[in-house]
All heavy atoms as atom14 arrays in JSON, in Angstrom:
{
  "sequence": "TGCKVALFSLQGEMLASAYCEYDFQSPQPGWAQLDSAAIWEAVK",
  "atom14_mask": [
    [1, 1, 1, 1, 1, 1, 1, 0, 0, 0, 0, 0, 0, 0],
    [1, 1, 1, 1, 0, 0, 0, 0, 0, 0, 0, 0, 0, 0],
    [1, 1, 1, 1, 1, 1, 0, 0, 0, 0, 0, 0, 0, 0],
    [1, 1, 1, 1, 1, 1, 1, 1, 1, 0, 0, 0, 0, 0],
    [1, 1, 1, 1, 1, 1, 1, 0, 0, 0, 0, 0, 0, 0],
    [1, 1, 1, 1, 1, 0, 0, 0, 0, 0, 0, 0, 0, 0],
    [1, 1, 1, 1, 1, 1, 1, 1, 0, 0, 0, 0, 0, 0],
    [1, 1, 1, 1, 1, 1, 1, 1, 1, 1, 1, 0, 0, 0],
    [1, 1, 1, 1, 1, 1, 0, 0, 0, 0, 0, 0, 0, 0],
    [1, 1, 1, 1, 1, 1, 1, 1, 0, 0, 0, 0, 0, 0],
    [1, 1, 1, 1, 1, 1, 1, 1, 1, 0, 0, 0, 0, 0],
    [1, 1, 1, 1, 0, 0, 0, 0, 0, 0, 0, 0, 0, 0],
    [1, 1, 1, 1, 1, 1, 1, 1, 1, 0, 0, 0, 0, 0],
    [1, 1, 1, 1, 1, 1, 1, 1, 0, 0, 0, 0, 0, 0],
    [1, 1, 1, 1, 1, 1, 1, 1, 0, 0, 0, 0, 0, 0],
    [1, 1, 1, 1, 1, 0, 0, 0, 0, 0, 0, 0, 0, 0],
    [1, 1, 1, 1, 1, 1, 0, 0, 0, 0, 0, 0, 0, 0],
    [1, 1, 1, 1, 1, 0, 0, 0, 0, 0, 0, 0, 0, 0],
    [1, 1, 1, 1, 1, 1, 1, 1, 1, 1, 1, 1, 0, 0],
    [1, 1, 1, 1, 1, 1, 0, 0, 0, 0, 0, 0, 0, 0],
    [1, 1, 1, 1, 1, 1, 1, 1, 1, 0, 0, 0, 0, 0],
    [1, 1, 1, 1, 1, 1, 1, 1, 1, 1, 1, 1, 0, 0],
    [1, 1, 1, 1, 1, 1, 1, 1, 0, 0, 0, 0, 0, 0],
    [1, 1, 1, 1, 1, 1, 1, 1, 1, 1, 1, 0, 0, 0],
    [1, 1, 1, 1, 1, 1, 1, 1, 1, 0, 0, 0, 0, 0],
    [1, 1, 1, 1, 1, 1, 0, 0, 0, 0, 0, 0, 0, 0],
    [1, 1, 1, 1, 1, 1, 1, 0, 0, 0, 0, 0, 0, 0],
    [1, 1, 1, 1, 1, 1, 1, 1, 1, 0, 0, 0, 0, 0],
    [1, 1, 1, 1, 1, 1, 1, 0, 0, 0, 0, 0, 0, 0],
    [1, 1, 1, 1, 0, 0, 0, 0, 0, 0, 0, 0, 0, 0],
    [1, 1, 1, 1, 1, 1, 1, 1, 1, 1, 1, 1, 1, 1],
    [1, 1, 1, 1, 1, 0, 0, 0, 0, 0, 0, 0, 0, 0],
    [1, 1, 1, 1, 1, 1, 1, 1, 1, 0, 0, 0, 0, 0],
    [1, 1, 1, 1, 1, 1, 1, 1, 0, 0, 0, 0, 0, 0],
    [1, 1, 1, 1, 1, 1, 1, 1, 0, 0, 0, 0, 0, 0],
    [1, 1, 1, 1, 1, 1, 0, 0, 0, 0, 0, 0, 0, 0],
    [1, 1, 1, 1, 1, 0, 0, 0, 0, 0, 0, 0, 0, 0],
    [1, 1, 1, 1, 1, 0, 0, 0, 0, 0, 0, 0, 0, 0],
    [1, 1, 1, 1, 1, 1, 1, 1, 0, 0, 0, 0, 0, 0],
    [1, 1, 1, 1, 1, 1, 1, 1, 1, 1, 1, 1, 1, 1],
    [1, 1, 1, 1, 1, 1, 1, 1, 1, 0, 0, 0, 0, 0],
    [1, 1, 1, 1, 1, 0, 0, 0, 0, 0, 0, 0, 0, 0],
    [1, 1, 1, 1, 1, 1, 1, 0, 0, 0, 0, 0, 0, 0],
    [1, 1, 1, 1, 1, 1, 1, 1, 1, 0, 0, 0, 0, 0]
  ],
  "atom14_positions": [
    [[18.45, 7.94, 63.33], [18.35, 6.53, 63.76], [18.0, 5.56, 62.64], [17.91, 4.36, 62.87], [17.31, 6.38, 64.88], [16.04, 6.84, 64.39], [17.7, 7.18, 66.11], [0.0, 0.0, 0.0], [0.0, 0.0, 0.0], [0.0, 0.0, 0.0], [0.0, 0.0, 0.0], [0.0, 0.0, 0.0], [0.0, 0.0, 0.0], [0.0, 0.0, 0.0]],
    [[17.8, 6.08, 61.43], [17.47, 5.19, 60.32], [17.34, 5.97, 59.02], [17.36, 7.2, 59.0], [0.0, 0.0, 0.0], [0.0, 0.0, 0.0], [0.0, 0.0, 0.0], [0.0, 0.0, 0.0], [0.0, 0.0, 0.0], [0.0, 0.0, 0.0], [0.0, 0.0, 0.0], [0.0, 0.0, 0.0], [0.0, 0.0, 0.0], [0.0, 0.0, 0.0]],
    [[17.21, 5.21, 57.94], [17.02, 5.83, 56.62], [15.73, 5.31, 56.0], [15.34, 4.16, 56.21], [18.21, 5.57, 55.71], [18.42, 3.85, 55.25], [0.0, 0.0, 0.0], [0.0, 0.0, 0.0], [0.0, 0.0, 0.0], [0.0, 0.0, 0.0], [0.0, 0.0, 0.0], [0.0, 0.0, 0.0], [0.0, 0.0, 0.0], [0.0, 0.0, 0.0]],
    [[15.09, 6.21, 55.25], [13.88, 5.86, 54.53], [14.16, 6.03, 53.04], [14.8, 7.01, 52.64], [12.72, 6.77, 54.94], [12.33, 6.66, 56.4], [11.22, 7.61, 56.73], [11.58, 8.92, 57.29], [12.5, 9.25, 58.24], [0.0, 0.0, 0.0], [0.0, 0.0, 0.0], [0.0, 0.0, 0.0], [0.0, 0.0, 0.0], [0.0, 0.0, 0.0]],
    [[13.68, 5.09, 52.25], [13.83, 5.17, 50.8], [12.45, 4.9, 50.2], [11.76, 3.98, 50.63], [14.86, 4.14, 50.28], [14.91, 4.15, 48.77], [16.24, 4.43, 50.85], [0.0, 0.0, 0.0], [0.0, 0.0, 0.0], [0.0, 0.0, 0.0], [0.0, 0.0, 0.0], [0.0, 0.0, 0.0], [0.0, 0.0, 0.0], [0.0, 0.0, 0.0]],
    [[12.06, 5.71, 49.23], [10.76, 5.52, 48.59], [10.9, 5.68, 47.08], [11.7, 6.48, 46.6], [9.74, 6.52, 49.12], [0.0, 0.0, 0.0], [0.0, 0.0, 0.0], [0.0, 0.0, 0.0], [0.0, 0.0, 0.0], [0.0, 0.0, 0.0], [0.0, 0.0, 0.0], [0.0, 0.0, 0.0], [0.0, 0.0, 0.0], [0.0, 0.0, 0.0]],
    [[10.12, 4.89, 46.37], [10.09, 4.92, 44.91], [8.71, 5.41, 44.48], [7.7, 4.89, 44.96], [10.35, 3.51, 44.37], [10.52, 3.34, 42.87], [11.8, 4.04, 42.4], [10.56, 1.86, 42.51], [0.0, 0.0, 0.0], [0.0, 0.0, 0.0], [0.0, 0.0, 0.0], [0.0, 0.0, 0.0], [0.0, 0.0, 0.0], [0.0, 0.0, 0.0]],
    [[8.68, 6.44, 43.62], [7.43, 7.04, 43.19], [7.31, 7.0, 41.67], [8.31, 7.11, 40.96], [7.36, 8.51, 43.62], [7.29, 8.71, 45.1], [8.45, 8.86, 45.84], [6.08, 8.74, 45.76], [8.4, 9.05, 47.22], [6.01, 8.92, 47.13], [7.18, 9.07, 47.86], [0.0, 0.0, 0.0], [0.0, 0.0, 0.0], [0.0, 0.0, 0.0]],
    [[6.08, 6.9, 41.19], [5.83, 7.05, 39.76], [5.94, 8.54, 39.43], [5.95, 9.4, 40.34], [4.43, 6.55, 39.4], [3.44, 7.45, 39.89], [0.0, 0.0, 0.0], [0.0, 0.0, 0.0], [0.0, 0.0, 0.0], [0.0, 0.0, 0.0], [0.0, 0.0, 0.0], [0.0, 0.0, 0.0], [0.0, 0.0, 0.0], [0.0, 0.0, 0.0]],
    [[6.0, 8.87, 38.15], [6.06, 10.28, 37.75], [4.77, 11.02, 38.09], [4.75, 12.25, 38.14], [6.35, 10.38, 36.25], [7.73, 9.88, 35.81], [7.89, 10.04, 34.3], [8.85, 10.58, 36.55], [0.0, 0.0, 0.0], [0.0, 0.0, 0.0], [0.0, 0.0, 0.0], [0.0, 0.0, 0.0], [0.0, 0.0, 0.0], [0.0, 0.0, 0.0]],
    [[3.69, 10.27, 38.35], [2.41, 10.88, 38.75], [2.32, 11.06, 40.26], [1.31, 11.54, 40.77], [1.24, 10.01, 38.26], [1.07, 9.98, 36.75], [2.13, 9.16, 36.05], [2.58, 8.13, 36.56], [2.55, 9.61, 34.89], [0.0, 0.0, 0.0], [0.0, 0.0, 0.0], [0.0, 0.0, 0.0], [0.0, 0.0, 0.0], [0.0, 0.0, 0.0]],
    [[3.35, 10.66, 41.01], [3.37, 10.85, 42.45], [2.86, 9.67, 43.26], [2.77, 9.75, 44.47], [0.0, 0.0, 0.0], [0.0, 0.0, 0.0], [0.0, 0.0, 0.0], [0.0, 0.0, 0.0], [0.0, 0.0, 0.0], [0.0, 0.0, 0.0], [0.0, 0.0, 0.0], [0.0, 0.0, 0.0], [0.0, 0.0, 0.0], [0.0, 0.0, 0.0]],
    [[2.53, 8.56, 42.61], [2.06, 7.37, 43.33], [3.26, 6.64, 43.93], [4.24, 6.39, 43.23], [1.34, 6.44, 42.35], [0.93, 5.12, 42.98], [0.42, 4.13, 41.94], [0.38, 4.44, 40.75], [0.08, 3.01, 42.36], [0.0, 0.0, 0.0], [0.0, 0.0, 0.0], [0.0, 0.0, 0.0], [0.0, 0.0, 0.0], [0.0, 0.0, 0.0]],
    [[3.19, 6.33, 45.23], [4.27, 5.58, 45.86], [4.22, 4.14, 45.39], [3.21, 3.46, 45.54], [4.2, 5.63, 47.39], [5.41, 4.96, 48.04], [5.37, 4.9, 49.84], [5.42, 6.61, 50.25], [0.0, 0.0, 0.0], [0.0, 0.0, 0.0], [0.0, 0.0, 0.0], [0.0, 0.0, 0.0], [0.0, 0.0, 0.0], [0.0, 0.0, 0.0]],
    [[5.32, 3.67, 44.8], [5.4, 2.31, 44.3], [5.96, 1.35, 45.33], [5.58, 0.18, 45.37], [6.28, 2.28, 43.04], [5.85, 3.2, 41.9], [6.88, 3.19, 40.79], [4.47, 2.8, 41.39], [0.0, 0.0, 0.0], [0.0, 0.0, 0.0], [0.0, 0.0, 0.0], [0.0, 0.0, 0.0], [0.0, 0.0, 0.0], [0.0, 0.0, 0.0]],
    [[6.88, 1.84, 46.17], [7.5, 1.0, 47.2], [8.22, 1.9, 48.18], [8.62, 3.02, 47.85], [8.49, 0.03, 46.57], [0.0, 0.0, 0.0], [0.0, 0.0, 0.0], [0.0, 0.0, 0.0], [0.0, 0.0, 0.0], [0.0, 0.0, 0.0], [0.0, 0.0, 0.0], [0.0, 0.0, 0.0], [0.0, 0.0, 0.0], [0.0, 0.0, 0.0]],
    [[8.4, 1.39, 49.41], [9.18, 2.13, 50.41], [9.86, 1.14, 51.34], [9.44, -0.01, 51.46], [8.28, 3.08, 51.21], [7.37, 2.37, 52.0], [0.0, 0.0, 0.0], [0.0, 0.0, 0.0], [0.0, 0.0, 0.0], [0.0, 0.0, 0.0], [0.0, 0.0, 0.0], [0.0, 0.0, 0.0], [0.0, 0.0, 0.0], [0.0, 0.0, 0.0]],
    [[10.93, 1.6, 51.98], [11.67, 0.76, 52.91], [12.28, 1.66, 53.99], [12.57, 2.84, 53.75], [12.77, -0.01, 52.18], [0.0, 0.0, 0.0], [0.0, 0.0, 0.0], [0.0, 0.0, 0.0], [0.0, 0.0, 0.0], [0.0, 0.0, 0.0], [0.0, 0.0, 0.0], [0.0, 0.0, 0.0], [0.0, 0.0, 0.0], [0.0, 0.0, 0.0]],
    [[12.48, 1.07, 55.16], [13.11, 1.76, 56.28], [14.14, 0.83, 56.9], [13.83, -0.35, 57.15], [12.05, 2.15, 57.32], [12.63, 2.82, 58.55], [13.06, 4.14, 58.51], [12.76, 2.12, 59.75], [13.59, 4.75, 59.63], [13.29, 2.73, 60.87], [13.71, 4.05, 60.81], [14.24, 4.66, 61.92], [0.0, 0.0, 0.0], [0.0, 0.0, 0.0]],
    [[15.33, 1.32, 57.13], [16.39, 0.54, 57.79], [16.93, 1.36, 58.96], [17.27, 2.53, 58.79], [17.52, 0.23, 56.82], [17.1, -0.94, 55.54], [0.0, 0.0, 0.0], [0.0, 0.0, 0.0], [0.0, 0.0, 0.0], [0.0, 0.0, 0.0], [0.0, 0.0, 0.0], [0.0, 0.0, 0.0], [0.0, 0.0, 0.0], [0.0, 0.0, 0.0]],
    [[17.0, 0.73, 60.12], [17.52, 1.4, 61.31], [19.01, 1.14, 61.48], [19.55, 0.15, 60.98], [16.81, 0.9, 62.56], [15.39, 1.35, 62.67], [14.75, 0.96, 64.0], [15.42, 0.34, 64.85], [13.57, 1.29, 64.17], [0.0, 0.0, 0.0], [0.0, 0.0, 0.0], [0.0, 0.0, 0.0], [0.0, 0.0, 0.0], [0.0, 0.0, 0.0]],
    [[19.66, 2.04, 62.2], [21.04, 1.86, 62.61], [21.2, 2.55, 63.96], [20.38, 3.38, 64.35], [22.04, 2.4, 61.57], [21.61, 3.68, 60.89], [21.73, 4.91, 61.5], [21.06, 3.64, 59.62], [21.32, 6.08, 60.87], [20.66, 4.79, 58.97], [20.79, 6.01, 59.6], [20.38, 7.16, 58.98], [0.0, 0.0, 0.0], [0.0, 0.0, 0.0]],
    [[22.23, 2.18, 64.68], [22.47, 2.73, 66.02], [23.4, 3.93, 65.95], [24.21, 4.06, 65.05], [23.12, 1.67, 66.92], [22.19, 0.51, 67.22], [20.97, 0.74, 67.33], [22.69, -0.62, 67.33], [0.0, 0.0, 0.0], [0.0, 0.0, 0.0], [0.0, 0.0, 0.0], [0.0, 0.0, 0.0], [0.0, 0.0, 0.0], [0.0, 0.0, 0.0]],
    [[23.26, 4.79, 66.93], [24.26, 5.84, 67.1], [25.06, 5.52, 68.35], [24.58, 4.83, 69.25], [23.61, 7.24, 67.17], [22.8, 7.5, 68.4], [23.37, 8.04, 69.53], [21.44, 7.22, 68.41], [22.62, 8.28, 70.67], [20.67, 7.46, 69.53], [21.26, 7.99, 70.67], [0.0, 0.0, 0.0], [0.0, 0.0, 0.0], [0.0, 0.0, 0.0]],
    [[26.29, 5.96, 68.37], [27.16, 5.72, 69.51], [27.23, 6.98, 70.36], [27.15, 8.09, 69.85], [28.58, 5.34, 69.06], [28.67, 4.02, 68.33], [28.31, 4.14, 66.87], [28.72, 5.07, 66.2], [27.51, 3.21, 66.37], [0.0, 0.0, 0.0], [0.0, 0.0, 0.0], [0.0, 0.0, 0.0], [0.0, 0.0, 0.0], [0.0, 0.0, 0.0]],
    [[27.38, 6.77, 71.66], [27.52, 7.86, 72.6], [28.77, 7.6, 73.43], [28.7, 7.03, 74.52], [26.28, 7.97, 73.49], [26.38, 9.08, 74.34], [0.0, 0.0, 0.0], [0.0, 0.0, 0.0], [0.0, 0.0, 0.0], [0.0, 0.0, 0.0], [0.0, 0.0, 0.0], [0.0, 0.0, 0.0], [0.0, 0.0, 0.0], [0.0, 0.0, 0.0]],
    [[29.95, 7.99, 72.92], [31.2, 7.67, 73.6], [31.37, 8.35, 74.96], [32.15, 7.89, 75.78], [32.28, 8.14, 72.62], [31.6, 9.1, 71.71], [30.16, 8.72, 71.68], [0.0, 0.0, 0.0], [0.0, 0.0, 0.0], [0.0, 0.0, 0.0], [0.0, 0.0, 0.0], [0.0, 0.0, 0.0], [0.0, 0.0, 0.0], [0.0, 0.0, 0.0]],
    [[30.63, 9.42, 75.19], [30.62, 10.06, 76.5], [29.33, 10.86, 76.62], [28.69, 11.15, 75.61], [31.86, 10.91, 76.71], [31.95, 12.16, 75.87], [33.25, 12.91, 76.14], [34.31, 12.33, 76.07], [33.15, 14.17, 76.44], [0.0, 0.0, 0.0], [0.0, 0.0, 0.0], [0.0, 0.0, 0.0], [0.0, 0.0, 0.0], [0.0, 0.0, 0.0]],
    [[28.92, 11.2, 77.83], [27.66, 11.93, 78.02], [27.6, 13.2, 77.17], [28.58, 13.94, 77.08], [27.66, 12.25, 79.51], [28.52, 11.19, 80.12], [29.59, 10.91, 79.1], [0.0, 0.0, 0.0], [0.0, 0.0, 0.0], [0.0, 0.0, 0.0], [0.0, 0.0, 0.0], [0.0, 0.0, 0.0], [0.0, 0.0, 0.0], [0.0, 0.0, 0.0]],
    [[26.46, 13.38, 76.51], [26.25, 14.56, 75.69], [26.77, 14.43, 74.26], [26.59, 15.34, 73.46], [0.0, 0.0, 0.0], [0.0, 0.0, 0.0], [0.0, 0.0, 0.0], [0.0, 0.0, 0.0], [0.0, 0.0, 0.0], [0.0, 0.0, 0.0], [0.0, 0.0, 0.0], [0.0, 0.0, 0.0], [0.0, 0.0, 0.0], [0.0, 0.0, 0.0]],
    [[27.4, 13.32, 73.95], [27.92, 13.1, 72.6], [27.05, 12.1, 71.87], [26.51, 11.18, 72.47], [29.33, 12.53, 72.65], [30.42, 13.49, 73.04], [30.3, 14.62, 73.79], [31.8, 13.38, 72.7], [31.52, 15.22, 73.96], [32.47, 14.47, 73.29], [32.54, 12.47, 71.98], [33.82, 14.67, 73.16], [33.91, 12.68, 71.86], [34.54, 13.77, 72.43]],
    [[26.96, 12.25, 70.57], [26.29, 11.26, 69.71], [27.02, 11.26, 68.37], [27.35, 12.32, 67.84], [24.82, 11.61, 69.52], [0.0, 0.0, 0.0], [0.0, 0.0, 0.0], [0.0, 0.0, 0.0], [0.0, 0.0, 0.0], [0.0, 0.0, 0.0], [0.0, 0.0, 0.0], [0.0, 0.0, 0.0], [0.0, 0.0, 0.0], [0.0, 0.0, 0.0]],
    [[27.3, 10.08, 67.88], [27.95, 9.98, 66.57], [27.41, 8.78, 65.82], [26.9, 7.84, 66.42], [29.47, 9.91, 66.71], [29.96, 8.73, 67.52], [31.45, 8.84, 67.85], [31.95, 9.93, 68.14], [32.14, 7.72, 67.79], [0.0, 0.0, 0.0], [0.0, 0.0, 0.0], [0.0, 0.0, 0.0], [0.0, 0.0, 0.0], [0.0, 0.0, 0.0]],
    [[27.5, 8.85, 64.51], [27.01, 7.79, 63.64], [28.18, 7.12, 62.91], [29.17, 7.78, 62.6], [26.03, 8.35, 62.61], [24.75, 8.95, 63.18], [23.98, 9.69, 62.1], [23.89, 7.86, 63.79], [0.0, 0.0, 0.0], [0.0, 0.0, 0.0], [0.0, 0.0, 0.0], [0.0, 0.0, 0.0], [0.0, 0.0, 0.0], [0.0, 0.0, 0.0]],
    [[28.03, 5.84, 62.63], [29.01, 5.09, 61.86], [28.64, 5.22, 60.39], [27.63, 4.66, 59.95], [28.99, 3.63, 62.32], [29.95, 2.75, 61.55], [30.58, 3.21, 60.58], [30.06, 1.56, 61.92], [0.0, 0.0, 0.0], [0.0, 0.0, 0.0], [0.0, 0.0, 0.0], [0.0, 0.0, 0.0], [0.0, 0.0, 0.0], [0.0, 0.0, 0.0]],
    [[29.43, 5.95, 59.63], [29.09, 6.21, 58.22], [29.02, 4.92, 57.4], [28.19, 4.82, 56.5], [30.09, 7.19, 57.59], [31.4, 6.68, 57.66], [0.0, 0.0, 0.0], [0.0, 0.0, 0.0], [0.0, 0.0, 0.0], [0.0, 0.0, 0.0], [0.0, 0.0, 0.0], [0.0, 0.0, 0.0], [0.0, 0.0, 0.0], [0.0, 0.0, 0.0]],
    [[29.84, 3.92, 57.73], [29.78, 2.65, 57.0], [28.45, 1.94, 57.25], [27.85, 1.38, 56.33], [30.95, 1.75, 57.4], [0.0, 0.0, 0.0], [0.0, 0.0, 0.0], [0.0, 0.0, 0.0], [0.0, 0.0, 0.0], [0.0, 0.0, 0.0], [0.0, 0.0, 0.0], [0.0, 0.0, 0.0], [0.0, 0.0, 0.0], [0.0, 0.0, 0.0]],
    [[27.97, 1.98, 58.49], [26.68, 1.36, 58.83], [25.53, 2.09, 58.11], [24.6, 1.45, 57.62], [26.46, 1.37, 60.34], [0.0, 0.0, 0.0], [0.0, 0.0, 0.0], [0.0, 0.0, 0.0], [0.0, 0.0, 0.0], [0.0, 0.0, 0.0], [0.0, 0.0, 0.0], [0.0, 0.0, 0.0], [0.0, 0.0, 0.0], [0.0, 0.0, 0.0]],
    [[25.61, 3.4, 58.05], [24.58, 4.17, 57.35], [24.57, 3.81, 55.87], [23.52, 3.57, 55.28], [24.79, 5.68, 57.54], [24.56, 6.05, 59.0], [23.87, 6.49, 56.62], [24.97, 7.46, 59.34], [0.0, 0.0, 0.0], [0.0, 0.0, 0.0], [0.0, 0.0, 0.0], [0.0, 0.0, 0.0], [0.0, 0.0, 0.0], [0.0, 0.0, 0.0]],
    [[25.74, 3.77, 55.25], [25.83, 3.45, 53.82], [25.27, 2.05, 53.54], [24.54, 1.86, 52.56], [27.27, 3.58, 53.35], [27.47, 3.29, 51.9], [28.34, 2.4, 51.37], [26.78, 3.88, 50.79], [28.24, 2.4, 49.99], [27.29, 3.3, 49.61], [25.78, 4.82, 50.67], [26.82, 3.64, 48.34], [25.32, 5.16, 49.41], [25.83, 4.58, 48.26]],
    [[25.56, 1.08, 54.4], [25.02, -0.27, 54.21], [23.5, -0.26, 54.32], [22.81, -0.94, 53.56], [25.64, -1.25, 55.22], [27.11, -1.53, 54.98], [27.4, -2.05, 53.57], [26.67, -2.93, 53.08], [28.35, -1.54, 52.95], [0.0, 0.0, 0.0], [0.0, 0.0, 0.0], [0.0, 0.0, 0.0], [0.0, 0.0, 0.0], [0.0, 0.0, 0.0]],
    [[22.96, 0.49, 55.28], [21.51, 0.58, 55.45], [20.85, 1.24, 54.23], [19.8, 0.79, 53.76], [21.17, 1.35, 56.72], [0.0, 0.0, 0.0], [0.0, 0.0, 0.0], [0.0, 0.0, 0.0], [0.0, 0.0, 0.0], [0.0, 0.0, 0.0], [0.0, 0.0, 0.0], [0.0, 0.0, 0.0], [0.0, 0.0, 0.0], [0.0, 0.0, 0.0]],
    [[21.46, 2.31, 53.72], [20.92, 2.99, 52.54], [20.91, 2.04, 51.34], [19.9, 1.93, 50.62], [21.71, 4.28, 52.23], [21.34, 4.85, 50.87], [21.5, 5.32, 53.32], [0.0, 0.0, 0.0], [0.0, 0.0, 0.0], [0.0, 0.0, 0.0], [0.0, 0.0, 0.0], [0.0, 0.0, 0.0], [0.0, 0.0, 0.0], [0.0, 0.0, 0.0]],
    [[22.01, 1.33, 51.13], [22.06, 0.39, 50.01], [21.02, -0.72, 50.15], [20.37, -1.09, 49.17], [23.47, -0.21, 49.89], [24.51, 0.78, 49.42], [25.84, 0.11, 49.09], [26.47, -0.6, 50.26], [27.8, -1.15, 49.94], [0.0, 0.0, 0.0], [0.0, 0.0, 0.0], [0.0, 0.0, 0.0], [0.0, 0.0, 0.0], [0.0, 0.0, 0.0]]
  ]
}
């Protein structure tokens, strides 16, 4: 349902983090699929 990105120093200190959500589609009962273009935009 989303992507997390974190930036760390070489000593392991978290410098920054971000979370972006996206929806999944359910074209019929019991199915779930993700839009790869939406995921890529969220990651970027």
